[in-house]
């Protein structure tokens, strides 16, 4: 499984989150997930809100296009982003070149 899975309507991201960091940034790969550090504490949904806002900004999509599928209280999260393709995600988030080989049409 790759950190990035695409289909006709968007992408699903498999993420490893590190809340409480000094700044919000993409770090790289962590096993088969994209690791993101968040400058928000893991309390009252602040880290999840920060993550969704960060992804919307980085991918230049509306906040409503980004939704948390699973991992509400976990570091391992799955996020759905509608209206964006895999090449755009790779260009804006990085995370390794193996993702292009694991796309589903």
N, C-alpha and C. Protein backbone atom coordinates (compact mmCIF):
# COMPACT_ATOMS: atom_id res chain seq x y z
N UNK A 1 0.84 -1.19 0.00
CA UNK A 1 0.00 0.00 0.00
C UNK A 1 0.88 1.24 0.00
N UNK A 2 0.49 2.22 -0.74
CA UNK A 2 1.21 3.48 -0.84
C UNK A 2 0.50 4.53 0.00
N UNK A 3 1.15 5.64 0.25
CA UNK A 3 0.55 6.75 1.00
C UNK A 3 -0.46 7.52 0.15
N UNK A 4 -0.45 7.28 -1.15
CA UNK A 4 -1.29 8.03 -2.07
C UNK A 4 -2.04 7.08 -2.99
N UNK A 5 -3.37 7.12 -2.92
CA UNK A 5 -4.21 6.29 -3.79
C UNK A 5 -5.18 7.21 -4.51
N UNK A 6 -5.16 7.16 -5.83
CA UNK A 6 -6.00 8.04 -6.64
C UNK A 6 -7.14 7.28 -7.28
N UNK A 7 -8.25 7.98 -7.52
CA UNK A 7 -9.35 7.45 -8.30
C UNK A 7 -9.91 8.59 -9.15
N UNK A 8 -11.03 8.37 -9.79
CA UNK A 8 -11.57 9.36 -10.73
C UNK A 8 -11.98 10.68 -10.06
N UNK A 9 -12.31 10.66 -8.78
CA UNK A 9 -12.83 11.88 -8.15
C UNK A 9 -11.86 12.56 -7.19
N UNK A 10 -10.69 11.98 -6.97
CA UNK A 10 -9.73 12.59 -6.06
C UNK A 10 -8.70 11.61 -5.57
N UNK A 11 -8.18 11.86 -4.36
CA UNK A 11 -7.15 11.00 -3.80
C UNK A 11 -7.44 10.70 -2.33
N UNK A 12 -6.89 9.58 -1.87
CA UNK A 12 -6.90 9.24 -0.46
C UNK A 12 -5.46 9.21 0.01
N UNK A 13 -5.18 9.90 1.11
CA UNK A 13 -3.83 9.99 1.65
C UNK A 13 -3.74 9.18 2.93
N UNK A 14 -2.68 8.39 3.05
CA UNK A 14 -2.38 7.66 4.28
C UNK A 14 -1.28 8.45 4.98
N UNK A 15 -1.58 8.96 6.18
CA UNK A 15 -0.68 9.89 6.84
C UNK A 15 -0.28 9.41 8.23
N UNK A 16 0.92 9.79 8.63
CA UNK A 16 1.39 9.62 10.01
C UNK A 16 1.59 11.03 10.55
N UNK A 17 0.88 11.36 11.62
CA UNK A 17 0.85 12.72 12.13
C UNK A 17 1.65 12.84 13.43
N UNK A 18 2.42 13.91 13.53
CA UNK A 18 3.15 14.23 14.76
C UNK A 18 2.66 15.59 15.24
N UNK A 19 1.70 15.60 16.17
CA UNK A 19 1.19 16.87 16.68
C UNK A 19 2.15 17.51 17.67
N UNK A 20 1.96 18.79 17.93
CA UNK A 20 2.77 19.49 18.92
C UNK A 20 4.17 19.85 18.46
N UNK A 21 4.39 19.91 17.16
CA UNK A 21 5.71 20.25 16.62
C UNK A 21 5.89 21.78 16.61
N UNK A 22 7.10 22.22 16.34
CA UNK A 22 7.37 23.66 16.28
C UNK A 22 6.68 24.32 15.11
N UNK A 23 6.62 23.61 13.97
CA UNK A 23 5.94 24.17 12.80
C UNK A 23 5.26 23.06 12.03
N UNK A 24 4.29 23.45 11.23
CA UNK A 24 3.56 22.49 10.42
C UNK A 24 4.31 22.30 9.11
N UNK A 25 4.63 21.02 8.81
CA UNK A 25 5.41 20.73 7.61
C UNK A 25 5.30 19.26 7.24
N UNK A 26 5.56 18.98 5.96
CA UNK A 26 5.66 17.61 5.49
C UNK A 26 7.10 17.18 5.72
N UNK A 27 7.27 16.01 6.35
CA UNK A 27 8.61 15.53 6.70
C UNK A 27 9.14 14.55 5.66
N UNK A 28 8.29 13.66 5.18
CA UNK A 28 8.70 12.62 4.23
C UNK A 28 7.94 11.35 4.53
N UNK A 29 8.51 10.23 4.15
CA UNK A 29 7.82 8.96 4.35
C UNK A 29 8.12 8.38 5.73
N UNK A 30 7.10 7.75 6.30
CA UNK A 30 7.21 7.01 7.56
C UNK A 30 6.54 5.68 7.29
N UNK A 31 7.34 4.63 7.10
CA UNK A 31 6.84 3.34 6.62
C UNK A 31 6.13 3.59 5.28
N UNK A 32 4.84 3.31 5.20
CA UNK A 32 4.12 3.53 3.94
C UNK A 32 3.12 4.67 4.06
N UNK A 33 3.42 5.61 4.95
CA UNK A 33 2.56 6.78 5.13
C UNK A 33 3.40 8.03 4.97
N UNK A 34 2.75 9.12 4.60
CA UNK A 34 3.42 10.41 4.51
C UNK A 34 3.38 11.04 5.90
N UNK A 35 4.54 11.42 6.42
CA UNK A 35 4.61 11.99 7.76
C UNK A 35 4.49 13.51 7.69
N UNK A 36 3.59 14.03 8.53
CA UNK A 36 3.36 15.47 8.62
C UNK A 36 3.46 15.88 10.08
N UNK A 37 4.26 16.90 10.34
CA UNK A 37 4.34 17.49 11.68
C UNK A 37 3.34 18.63 11.74
N UNK A 38 2.64 18.73 12.87
CA UNK A 38 1.63 19.78 13.05
C UNK A 38 1.97 20.65 14.24
N UNK A 39 1.84 21.94 14.06
CA UNK A 39 2.09 22.90 15.14
C UNK A 39 0.83 23.13 15.96
N UNK A 40 0.07 22.09 16.18
CA UNK A 40 -1.15 22.17 16.97
C UNK A 40 -1.14 21.02 17.97
N UNK A 41 -1.68 21.26 19.16
CA UNK A 41 -1.72 20.19 20.16
C UNK A 41 -2.81 19.17 19.84
N UNK A 42 -2.63 17.93 20.30
CA UNK A 42 -3.64 16.90 20.02
C UNK A 42 -4.79 16.93 21.03
N UNK A 43 -5.41 18.09 21.20
CA UNK A 43 -6.54 18.24 22.12
C UNK A 43 -7.72 18.91 21.43
N UNK A 44 -8.90 18.44 21.76
CA UNK A 44 -10.14 19.04 21.27
C UNK A 44 -10.20 19.16 19.75
N UNK A 45 -9.59 18.24 19.04
CA UNK A 45 -9.65 18.25 17.58
C UNK A 45 -8.80 19.32 16.91
N UNK A 46 -7.94 20.01 17.67
CA UNK A 46 -7.14 21.09 17.09
C UNK A 46 -6.14 20.56 16.06
N UNK A 47 -5.53 19.42 16.33
CA UNK A 47 -4.56 18.86 15.38
C UNK A 47 -5.26 18.44 14.09
N UNK A 48 -6.43 17.83 14.20
CA UNK A 48 -7.18 17.43 12.99
C UNK A 48 -7.58 18.65 12.17
N UNK A 49 -8.05 19.70 12.83
CA UNK A 49 -8.43 20.92 12.11
C UNK A 49 -7.22 21.55 11.43
N UNK A 50 -6.09 21.55 12.13
CA UNK A 50 -4.85 22.09 11.56
C UNK A 50 -4.42 21.28 10.34
N UNK A 51 -4.52 19.96 10.44
CA UNK A 51 -4.14 19.08 9.34
C UNK A 51 -4.99 19.35 8.10
N UNK A 52 -6.31 19.40 8.27
CA UNK A 52 -7.19 19.60 7.13
C UNK A 52 -6.99 20.97 6.49
N UNK A 53 -6.78 21.99 7.31
CA UNK A 53 -6.51 23.34 6.77
C UNK A 53 -5.17 23.38 6.04
N UNK A 54 -4.15 22.73 6.60
CA UNK A 54 -2.83 22.68 5.97
C UNK A 54 -2.90 21.98 4.61
N UNK A 55 -3.58 20.85 4.55
CA UNK A 55 -3.68 20.12 3.28
C UNK A 55 -4.46 20.92 2.25
N UNK A 56 -5.54 21.57 2.66
CA UNK A 56 -6.32 22.39 1.72
C UNK A 56 -5.46 23.50 1.15
N UNK A 57 -4.68 24.15 2.00
CA UNK A 57 -3.82 25.24 1.53
C UNK A 57 -2.72 24.73 0.61
N UNK A 58 -2.04 23.65 1.01
CA UNK A 58 -0.95 23.11 0.21
C UNK A 58 -1.42 22.62 -1.15
N UNK A 59 -2.62 22.03 -1.19
CA UNK A 59 -3.13 21.46 -2.43
C UNK A 59 -4.02 22.43 -3.20
N UNK A 60 -4.20 23.62 -2.67
CA UNK A 60 -4.98 24.67 -3.31
C UNK A 60 -6.40 24.20 -3.65
N UNK A 61 -7.05 23.63 -2.65
CA UNK A 61 -8.45 23.22 -2.78
C UNK A 61 -9.24 23.84 -1.64
N UNK A 62 -10.55 23.84 -1.75
CA UNK A 62 -11.40 24.35 -0.69
C UNK A 62 -11.30 23.44 0.54
N UNK A 63 -11.47 24.02 1.72
CA UNK A 63 -11.43 23.22 2.95
C UNK A 63 -12.49 22.12 2.93
N UNK A 64 -13.60 22.39 2.27
CA UNK A 64 -14.67 21.40 2.19
C UNK A 64 -14.31 20.20 1.32
N UNK A 65 -13.26 20.32 0.52
CA UNK A 65 -12.82 19.21 -0.33
C UNK A 65 -11.93 18.22 0.42
N UNK A 66 -11.53 18.57 1.64
CA UNK A 66 -10.63 17.74 2.44
C UNK A 66 -11.40 17.19 3.63
N UNK A 67 -11.41 15.86 3.78
CA UNK A 67 -12.15 15.26 4.89
C UNK A 67 -11.36 14.11 5.51
N UNK A 68 -11.53 13.97 6.81
CA UNK A 68 -10.88 12.91 7.57
C UNK A 68 -11.73 11.65 7.47
N UNK A 69 -11.17 10.59 6.91
CA UNK A 69 -11.89 9.33 6.75
C UNK A 69 -11.77 8.49 8.01
N UNK A 70 -10.54 8.37 8.53
CA UNK A 70 -10.31 7.56 9.72
C UNK A 70 -9.11 8.09 10.49
N UNK A 71 -9.05 7.73 11.77
CA UNK A 71 -7.92 8.12 12.60
C UNK A 71 -8.15 9.37 13.40
N UNK A 72 -9.40 9.63 13.77
CA UNK A 72 -9.75 10.85 14.50
C UNK A 72 -8.85 11.09 15.72
N UNK A 73 -8.57 10.05 16.49
CA UNK A 73 -7.75 10.20 17.69
C UNK A 73 -6.45 9.41 17.60
N UNK A 74 -6.01 9.13 16.40
CA UNK A 74 -4.80 8.33 16.17
C UNK A 74 -3.78 9.14 15.38
N UNK A 75 -2.53 8.74 15.46
CA UNK A 75 -1.51 9.36 14.62
C UNK A 75 -1.62 8.88 13.18
N UNK A 76 -2.13 7.67 12.98
CA UNK A 76 -2.34 7.12 11.64
C UNK A 76 -3.70 7.59 11.14
N UNK A 77 -3.69 8.35 10.06
CA UNK A 77 -4.93 8.93 9.55
C UNK A 77 -5.07 8.66 8.05
N UNK A 78 -6.32 8.60 7.62
CA UNK A 78 -6.63 8.56 6.19
C UNK A 78 -7.46 9.78 5.89
N UNK A 79 -7.02 10.52 4.86
CA UNK A 79 -7.69 11.77 4.49
C UNK A 79 -8.08 11.69 3.02
N UNK A 80 -9.29 12.10 2.72
CA UNK A 80 -9.80 12.14 1.35
C UNK A 80 -9.74 13.58 0.84
N UNK A 81 -9.19 13.76 -0.36
CA UNK A 81 -9.15 15.08 -0.99
C UNK A 81 -9.83 14.95 -2.35
N UNK A 82 -10.94 15.65 -2.50
CA UNK A 82 -11.70 15.61 -3.75
C UNK A 82 -11.19 16.68 -4.71
N UNK A 83 -11.28 16.36 -5.99
CA UNK A 83 -10.98 17.34 -7.02
C UNK A 83 -9.51 17.62 -7.27
N UNK A 84 -8.65 16.69 -6.92
CA UNK A 84 -7.22 16.85 -7.14
C UNK A 84 -6.66 15.53 -7.67
N UNK A 85 -5.62 15.61 -8.50
CA UNK A 85 -5.05 14.38 -9.03
C UNK A 85 -3.73 14.05 -8.34
N UNK A 86 -3.26 12.84 -8.54
CA UNK A 86 -2.07 12.33 -7.85
C UNK A 86 -0.81 13.13 -8.18
N UNK A 87 -0.67 13.57 -9.43
CA UNK A 87 0.54 14.30 -9.80
C UNK A 87 0.60 15.65 -9.08
N UNK A 88 -0.55 16.29 -8.90
CA UNK A 88 -0.58 17.55 -8.15
C UNK A 88 -0.20 17.33 -6.70
N UNK A 89 -0.74 16.28 -6.10
CA UNK A 89 -0.42 15.96 -4.71
C UNK A 89 1.06 15.69 -4.55
N UNK A 90 1.63 14.88 -5.42
CA UNK A 90 3.06 14.58 -5.35
C UNK A 90 3.90 15.84 -5.50
N UNK A 91 3.53 16.70 -6.42
CA UNK A 91 4.30 17.92 -6.66
C UNK A 91 4.25 18.86 -5.46
N UNK A 92 3.11 18.93 -4.79
CA UNK A 92 2.95 19.89 -3.70
C UNK A 92 3.29 19.34 -2.33
N UNK A 93 3.18 18.02 -2.15
CA UNK A 93 3.50 17.43 -0.85
C UNK A 93 4.78 16.62 -0.85
N UNK A 94 5.19 16.13 -2.04
CA UNK A 94 6.39 15.30 -2.10
C UNK A 94 6.10 13.93 -1.55
N UNK A 95 7.06 13.38 -0.84
CA UNK A 95 6.83 12.11 -0.18
C UNK A 95 7.40 10.90 -0.87
N UNK A 96 8.10 11.07 -1.96
CA UNK A 96 8.71 9.91 -2.60
C UNK A 96 8.10 9.62 -3.95
N UNK A 97 8.89 9.07 -4.83
CA UNK A 97 8.46 8.84 -6.20
C UNK A 97 7.71 7.52 -6.38
N UNK A 98 7.69 6.63 -5.37
CA UNK A 98 7.03 5.35 -5.53
C UNK A 98 5.51 5.47 -5.58
N UNK A 99 4.96 6.60 -5.19
CA UNK A 99 3.51 6.77 -5.15
C UNK A 99 2.89 6.66 -6.53
N UNK A 100 3.58 7.12 -7.56
CA UNK A 100 3.03 7.09 -8.90
C UNK A 100 2.79 5.66 -9.38
N UNK A 101 3.53 4.71 -8.86
CA UNK A 101 3.39 3.33 -9.27
C UNK A 101 2.20 2.64 -8.59
N UNK A 102 1.64 3.26 -7.56
CA UNK A 102 0.59 2.62 -6.78
C UNK A 102 -0.75 3.30 -6.93
N UNK A 103 -1.01 3.87 -8.09
CA UNK A 103 -2.26 4.57 -8.32
C UNK A 103 -3.28 3.62 -8.92
N UNK A 104 -4.52 3.80 -8.52
CA UNK A 104 -5.58 3.02 -9.14
C UNK A 104 -6.45 3.97 -9.95
N UNK A 105 -6.76 3.59 -11.18
CA UNK A 105 -7.55 4.45 -12.05
C UNK A 105 -8.98 4.29 -11.68
